[in-house]
Amino acid sequence: MLDWVTTLHGYLSSPTGGGVRHGTDLASGAAVNPDEAQLYCNLIRSYITYLLAEHARLRRR
């Protein structure tokens, strides 16, 4: 699960070509402040919630 969330964060935030630029690449080791960390957690949580809801919708078909 952690690998999947890390991959999702990389897609959302990678300065090297991610889908949506919201921060820094986790591999760079750059420190983030608590507000940025909260932003990343909220973004990841919202995408996971969306993906789970979409999965449930598709299974109901």
PDB file of N, CA and C in Angstrom:
ATOM      1  N   MET A   1       0.829  -1.188   0.000  1.00  0.00           N
ATOM      2  CA  MET A   1       0.000   0.000   0.000  1.00  0.00           C
ATOM      3  C   MET A   1       0.869   1.245   0.000  1.00  0.00           C
ATOM      4  N   LEU A   2       1.924   1.223   0.812  1.00  0.00           N
ATOM      5  CA  LEU A   2       2.806   2.387   0.886  1.00  0.00           C
ATOM      6  C   LEU A   2       3.459   2.648  -0.464  1.00  0.00           C
ATOM      7  N   ASP A   3       3.866   1.601  -1.165  1.00  0.00           N
ATOM      8  CA  ASP A   3       4.444   1.779  -2.498  1.00  0.00           C
ATOM      9  C   ASP A   3       3.435   2.405  -3.451  1.00  0.00           C
ATOM     10  N   TRP A   4       2.183   1.965  -3.361  1.00  0.00           N
ATOM     11  CA  TRP A   4       1.143   2.511  -4.242  1.00  0.00           C
ATOM     12  C   TRP A   4       0.906   3.981  -3.954  1.00  0.00           C
ATOM     13  N   VAL A   5       0.847   4.352  -2.654  1.00  0.00           N
ATOM     14  CA  VAL A   5       0.634   5.749  -2.282  1.00  0.00           C
ATOM     15  C   VAL A   5       1.833   6.589  -2.713  1.00  0.00           C
ATOM     16  N   THR A   6       3.040   6.048  -2.565  1.00  0.00           N
ATOM     17  CA  THR A   6       4.238   6.760  -3.007  1.00  0.00           C
ATOM     18  C   THR A   6       4.195   6.985  -4.514  1.00  0.00           C
ATOM     19  N   THR A   7       3.774   5.985  -5.258  1.00  0.00           N
ATOM     20  CA  THR A   7       3.646   6.127  -6.706  1.00  0.00           C
ATOM     21  C   THR A   7       2.600   7.179  -7.059  1.00  0.00           C
ATOM     22  N   LEU A   8       1.474   7.157  -6.366  1.00  0.00           N
ATOM     23  CA  LEU A   8       0.424   8.147  -6.608  1.00  0.00           C
ATOM     24  C   LEU A   8       0.938   9.551  -6.301  1.00  0.00           C
ATOM     25  N   HIS A   9       1.638   9.709  -5.179  1.00  0.00           N
ATOM     26  CA  HIS A   9       2.207  11.021  -4.844  1.00  0.00           C
ATOM     27  C   HIS A   9       3.172  11.461  -5.932  1.00  0.00           C
ATOM     28  N   GLY A  10       4.015  10.538  -6.406  1.00  0.00           N
ATOM     29  CA  GLY A  10       4.964  10.870  -7.463  1.00  0.00           C
ATOM     30  C   GLY A  10       4.263  11.350  -8.719  1.00  0.00           C
ATOM     31  N   TYR A  11       3.162  10.699  -9.066  1.00  0.00           N
ATOM     32  CA  TYR A  11       2.404  11.130 -10.245  1.00  0.00           C
ATOM     33  C   TYR A  11       1.832  12.531 -10.043  1.00  0.00           C
ATOM     34  N   LEU A  12       1.318  12.787  -8.849  1.00  0.00           N
ATOM     35  CA  LEU A  12       0.695  14.083  -8.588  1.00  0.00           C
ATOM     36  C   LEU A  12       1.716  15.205  -8.460  1.00  0.00           C
ATOM     37  N   SER A  13       2.895  14.914  -7.930  1.00  0.00           N
ATOM     38  CA  SER A  13       3.772  15.971  -7.475  1.00  0.00           C
ATOM     39  C   SER A  13       5.142  16.025  -8.123  1.00  0.00           C
ATOM     40  N   SER A  14       5.473  15.109  -8.968  1.00  0.00           N
ATOM     41  CA  SER A  14       6.832  15.059  -9.490  1.00  0.00           C
ATOM     42  C   SER A  14       7.185  16.281 -10.329  1.00  0.00           C
ATOM     43  N   PRO A  15       8.270  16.961  -9.974  1.00  0.00           N
ATOM     44  CA  PRO A  15       8.716  18.083 -10.799  1.00  0.00           C
ATOM     45  C   PRO A  15       9.312  17.620 -12.125  1.00  0.00           C
ATOM     46  N   THR A  16       9.491  16.309 -12.287  1.00  0.00           N
ATOM     47  CA  THR A  16      10.066  15.778 -13.524  1.00  0.00           C
ATOM     48  C   THR A  16       9.008  15.265 -14.487  1.00  0.00           C
ATOM     49  N   GLY A  17       7.771  15.690 -14.337  1.00  0.00           N
ATOM     50  CA  GLY A  17       6.763  15.306 -15.307  1.00  0.00           C
ATOM     51  C   GLY A  17       5.534  14.652 -14.743  1.00  0.00           C
ATOM     52  N   GLY A  18       5.231  14.887 -13.500  1.00  0.00           N
ATOM     53  CA  GLY A  18       4.024  14.319 -12.901  1.00  0.00           C
ATOM     54  C   GLY A  18       2.778  14.917 -13.505  1.00  0.00           C
ATOM     55  N   GLY A  19       1.651  14.333 -13.157  1.00  0.00           N
ATOM     56  CA  GLY A  19       0.385  14.776 -13.711  1.00  0.00           C
ATOM     57  C   GLY A  19      -0.060  16.130 -13.210  1.00  0.00           C
ATOM     58  N   VAL A  20       0.131  16.407 -11.927  1.00  0.00           N
ATOM     59  CA  VAL A  20      -0.297  17.665 -11.339  1.00  0.00           C
ATOM     60  C   VAL A  20       0.828  18.114 -10.420  1.00  0.00           C
ATOM     61  N   ARG A  21       1.314  19.319 -10.588  1.00  0.00           N
ATOM     62  CA  ARG A  21       2.464  19.791  -9.791  1.00  0.00           C
ATOM     63  C   ARG A  21       1.981  20.422  -8.496  1.00  0.00           C
ATOM     64  N   HIS A  22       2.110  19.679  -7.377  1.00  0.00           N
ATOM     65  CA  HIS A  22       1.695  20.197  -6.070  1.00  0.00           C
ATOM     66  C   HIS A  22       2.843  20.256  -5.080  1.00  0.00           C
ATOM     67  N   GLY A  23       4.024  19.836  -5.446  1.00  0.00           N
ATOM     68  CA  GLY A  23       5.091  19.817  -4.454  1.00  0.00           C
ATOM     69  C   GLY A  23       6.384  19.308  -5.025  1.00  0.00           C
ATOM     70  N   THR A  24       7.092  18.551  -4.231  1.00  0.00           N
ATOM     71  CA  THR A  24       8.398  18.066  -4.632  1.00  0.00           C
ATOM     72  C   THR A  24       8.378  16.560  -4.797  1.00  0.00           C
ATOM     73  N   ASP A  25       9.371  16.070  -5.487  1.00  0.00           N
ATOM     74  CA  ASP A  25       9.537  14.641  -5.684  1.00  0.00           C
ATOM     75  C   ASP A  25      10.010  14.013  -4.373  1.00  0.00           C
ATOM     76  N   LEU A  26       9.373  12.939  -3.923  1.00  0.00           N
ATOM     77  CA  LEU A  26       9.763  12.298  -2.670  1.00  0.00           C
ATOM     78  C   LEU A  26      11.209  11.820  -2.700  1.00  0.00           C
ATOM     79  N   ALA A  27      11.719  11.434  -3.856  1.00  0.00           N
ATOM     80  CA  ALA A  27      13.075  10.907  -3.957  1.00  0.00           C
ATOM     81  C   ALA A  27      14.131  11.968  -3.714  1.00  0.00           C
ATOM     82  N   SER A  28      13.769  13.237  -3.817  1.00  0.00           N
ATOM     83  CA  SER A  28      14.767  14.300  -3.661  1.00  0.00           C
ATOM     84  C   SER A  28      15.171  14.499  -2.212  1.00  0.00           C
ATOM     85  N   GLY A  29      14.387  13.993  -1.268  1.00  0.00           N
ATOM     86  CA  GLY A  29      14.718  14.142   0.135  1.00  0.00           C
ATOM     87  C   GLY A  29      14.485  15.536   0.685  1.00  0.00           C
ATOM     88  N   ALA A  30      13.774  16.388  -0.041  1.00  0.00           N
ATOM     89  CA  ALA A  30      13.517  17.746   0.415  1.00  0.00           C
ATOM     90  C   ALA A  30      12.546  17.721   1.593  1.00  0.00           C
ATOM     91  N   ALA A  31      12.890  18.472   2.624  1.00  0.00           N
ATOM     92  CA  ALA A  31      12.018  18.553   3.792  1.00  0.00           C
ATOM     93  C   ALA A  31      10.771  19.368   3.452  1.00  0.00           C
ATOM     94  N   VAL A  32       9.674  18.988   4.035  1.00  0.00           N
ATOM     95  CA  VAL A  32       8.433  19.746   3.872  1.00  0.00           C
ATOM     96  C   VAL A  32       7.980  20.219   5.246  1.00  0.00           C
ATOM     97  N   ASN A  33       7.301  21.346   5.269  1.00  0.00           N
ATOM     98  CA  ASN A  33       6.782  21.827   6.545  1.00  0.00           C
ATOM     99  C   ASN A  33       5.444  21.140   6.829  1.00  0.00           C
ATOM    100  N   PRO A  34       4.924  21.271   8.037  1.00  0.00           N
ATOM    101  CA  PRO A  34       3.672  20.574   8.381  1.00  0.00           C
ATOM    102  C   PRO A  34       2.496  20.930   7.465  1.00  0.00           C
ATOM    103  N   ASP A  35       2.415  22.182   7.017  1.00  0.00           N
ATOM    104  CA  ASP A  35       1.319  22.559   6.122  1.00  0.00           C
ATOM    105  C   ASP A  35       1.421  21.850   4.781  1.00  0.00           C
ATOM    106  N   GLU A  36       2.631  21.743   4.239  1.00  0.00           N
ATOM    107  CA  GLU A  36       2.814  21.026   2.977  1.00  0.00           C
ATOM    108  C   GLU A  36       2.526  19.540   3.154  1.00  0.00           C
ATOM    109  N   ALA A  37       2.958  18.978   4.272  1.00  0.00           N
ATOM    110  CA  ALA A  37       2.683  17.564   4.539  1.00  0.00           C
ATOM    111  C   ALA A  37       1.181  17.315   4.605  1.00  0.00           C
ATOM    112  N   GLN A  38       0.455  18.227   5.254  1.00  0.00           N
ATOM    113  CA  GLN A  38      -1.000  18.093   5.340  1.00  0.00           C
ATOM    114  C   GLN A  38      -1.625  18.173   3.952  1.00  0.00           C
ATOM    115  N   LEU A  39      -1.107  19.077   3.110  1.00  0.00           N
ATOM    116  CA  LEU A  39      -1.595  19.189   1.735  1.00  0.00           C
ATOM    117  C   LEU A  39      -1.408  17.878   0.989  1.00  0.00           C
ATOM    118  N   TYR A  40      -0.211  17.288   1.083  1.00  0.00           N
ATOM    119  CA  TYR A  40       0.049  16.026   0.392  1.00  0.00           C
ATOM    120  C   TYR A  40      -0.886  14.929   0.889  1.00  0.00           C
ATOM    121  N   CYS A  41      -1.061  14.852   2.209  1.00  0.00           N
ATOM    122  CA  CYS A  41      -1.959  13.836   2.769  1.00  0.00           C
ATOM    123  C   CYS A  41      -3.385  14.039   2.279  1.00  0.00           C
ATOM    124  N   ASN A  42      -3.840  15.268   2.257  1.00  0.00           N
ATOM    125  CA  ASN A  42      -5.199  15.555   1.796  1.00  0.00           C
ATOM    126  C   ASN A  42      -5.360  15.217   0.316  1.00  0.00           C
ATOM    127  N   LEU A  43      -4.374  15.544  -0.491  1.00  0.00           N
ATOM    128  CA  LEU A  43      -4.443  15.238  -1.924  1.00  0.00           C
ATOM    129  C   LEU A  43      -4.494  13.734  -2.149  1.00  0.00           C
ATOM    130  N   ILE A  44      -3.600  13.021  -1.482  1.00  0.00           N
ATOM    131  CA  ILE A  44      -3.561  11.574  -1.643  1.00  0.00           C
ATOM    132  C   ILE A  44      -4.860  10.948  -1.154  1.00  0.00           C
ATOM    133  N   ARG A  45      -5.359  11.408  -0.008  1.00  0.00           N
ATOM    134  CA  ARG A  45      -6.612  10.872   0.531  1.00  0.00           C
ATOM    135  C   ARG A  45      -7.774  11.126  -0.428  1.00  0.00           C
ATOM    136  N   SER A  46      -7.814  12.316  -1.030  1.00  0.00           N
ATOM    137  CA  SER A  46      -8.916  12.612  -1.954  1.00  0.00           C
ATOM    138  C   SER A  46      -8.847  11.730  -3.196  1.00  0.00           C
ATOM    139  N   TYR A  47      -7.641  11.471  -3.698  1.00  0.00           N
ATOM    140  CA  TYR A  47      -7.520  10.597  -4.865  1.00  0.00           C
ATOM    141  C   TYR A  47      -7.865   9.158  -4.513  1.00  0.00           C
ATOM    142  N   ILE A  48      -7.442   8.682  -3.343  1.00  0.00           N
ATOM    143  CA  ILE A  48      -7.790   7.325  -2.928  1.00  0.00           C
ATOM    144  C   ILE A  48      -9.298   7.193  -2.773  1.00  0.00           C
ATOM    145  N   THR A  49      -9.935   8.185  -2.157  1.00  0.00           N
ATOM    146  CA  THR A  49     -11.390   8.171  -1.995  1.00  0.00           C
ATOM    147  C   THR A  49     -12.080   8.124  -3.344  1.00  0.00           C
ATOM    148  N   TYR A  50     -11.619   8.931  -4.288  1.00  0.00           N
ATOM    149  CA  TYR A  50     -12.197   8.935  -5.635  1.00  0.00           C
ATOM    150  C   TYR A  50     -12.019   7.565  -6.293  1.00  0.00           C
ATOM    151  N   LEU A  51     -10.806   7.021  -6.223  1.00  0.00           N
ATOM    152  CA  LEU A  51     -10.549   5.743  -6.880  1.00  0.00           C
ATOM    153  C   LEU A  51     -11.371   4.618  -6.265  1.00  0.00           C
ATOM    154  N   LEU A  52     -11.522   4.615  -4.951  1.00  0.00           N
ATOM    155  CA  LEU A  52     -12.358   3.592  -4.307  1.00  0.00           C
ATOM    156  C   LEU A  52     -13.825   3.740  -4.706  1.00  0.00           C
ATOM    157  N   ALA A  53     -14.313   4.965  -4.780  1.00  0.00           N
ATOM    158  CA  ALA A  53     -15.703   5.194  -5.195  1.00  0.00           C
ATOM    159  C   ALA A  53     -15.902   4.778  -6.648  1.00  0.00           C
ATOM    160  N   GLU A  54     -14.941   5.074  -7.483  1.00  0.00           N
ATOM    161  CA  GLU A  54     -15.034   4.686  -8.892  1.00  0.00           C
ATOM    162  C   GLU A  54     -15.012   3.167  -9.023  1.00  0.00           C
ATOM    163  N   HIS A  55     -14.165   2.519  -8.257  1.00  0.00           N
ATOM    164  CA  HIS A  55     -14.102   1.055  -8.266  1.00  0.00           C
ATOM    165  C   HIS A  55     -15.452   0.468  -7.842  1.00  0.00           C
ATOM    166  N   ALA A  56     -16.032   1.005  -6.778  1.00  0.00           N
ATOM    167  CA  ALA A  56     -17.340   0.515  -6.305  1.00  0.00           C
ATOM    168  C   ALA A  56     -18.404   0.739  -7.361  1.00  0.00           C
ATOM    169  N   ARG A  57     -18.380   1.885  -8.024  1.00  0.00           N
ATOM    170  CA  ARG A  57     -19.366   2.175  -9.074  1.00  0.00           C
ATOM    171  C   ARG A  57     -19.241   1.181 -10.215  1.00  0.00           C
ATOM    172  N   LEU A  58     -18.027   0.890 -10.620  1.00  0.00           N
ATOM    173  CA  LEU A  58     -17.818  -0.031 -11.729  1.00  0.00           C
ATOM    174  C   LEU A  58     -18.208  -1.464 -11.362  1.00  0.00           C
ATOM    175  N   ARG A  59     -18.035  -1.832 -10.112  1.00  0.00           N
ATOM    176  CA  ARG A  59     -18.416  -3.190  -9.677  1.00  0.00           C
ATOM    177  C   ARG A  59     -19.922  -3.357  -9.632  1.00  0.00           C
ATOM    178  N   ARG A  60     -20.665  -2.269  -9.454  1.00  0.00           N
ATOM    179  CA  ARG A  60     -22.137  -2.356  -9.397  1.00  0.00           C
ATOM    180  C   ARG A  60     -22.752  -2.597 -10.764  1.00  0.00           C
ATOM    181  N   ARG A  61     -22.025  -2.378 -11.799  1.00  0.00           N
ATOM    182  CA  ARG A  61     -22.577  -2.528 -13.153  1.00  0.00           C
ATOM    183  C   ARG A  61     -22.910  -3.938 -13.477  1.00  0.00           C
TER     184      ARG A  61
END
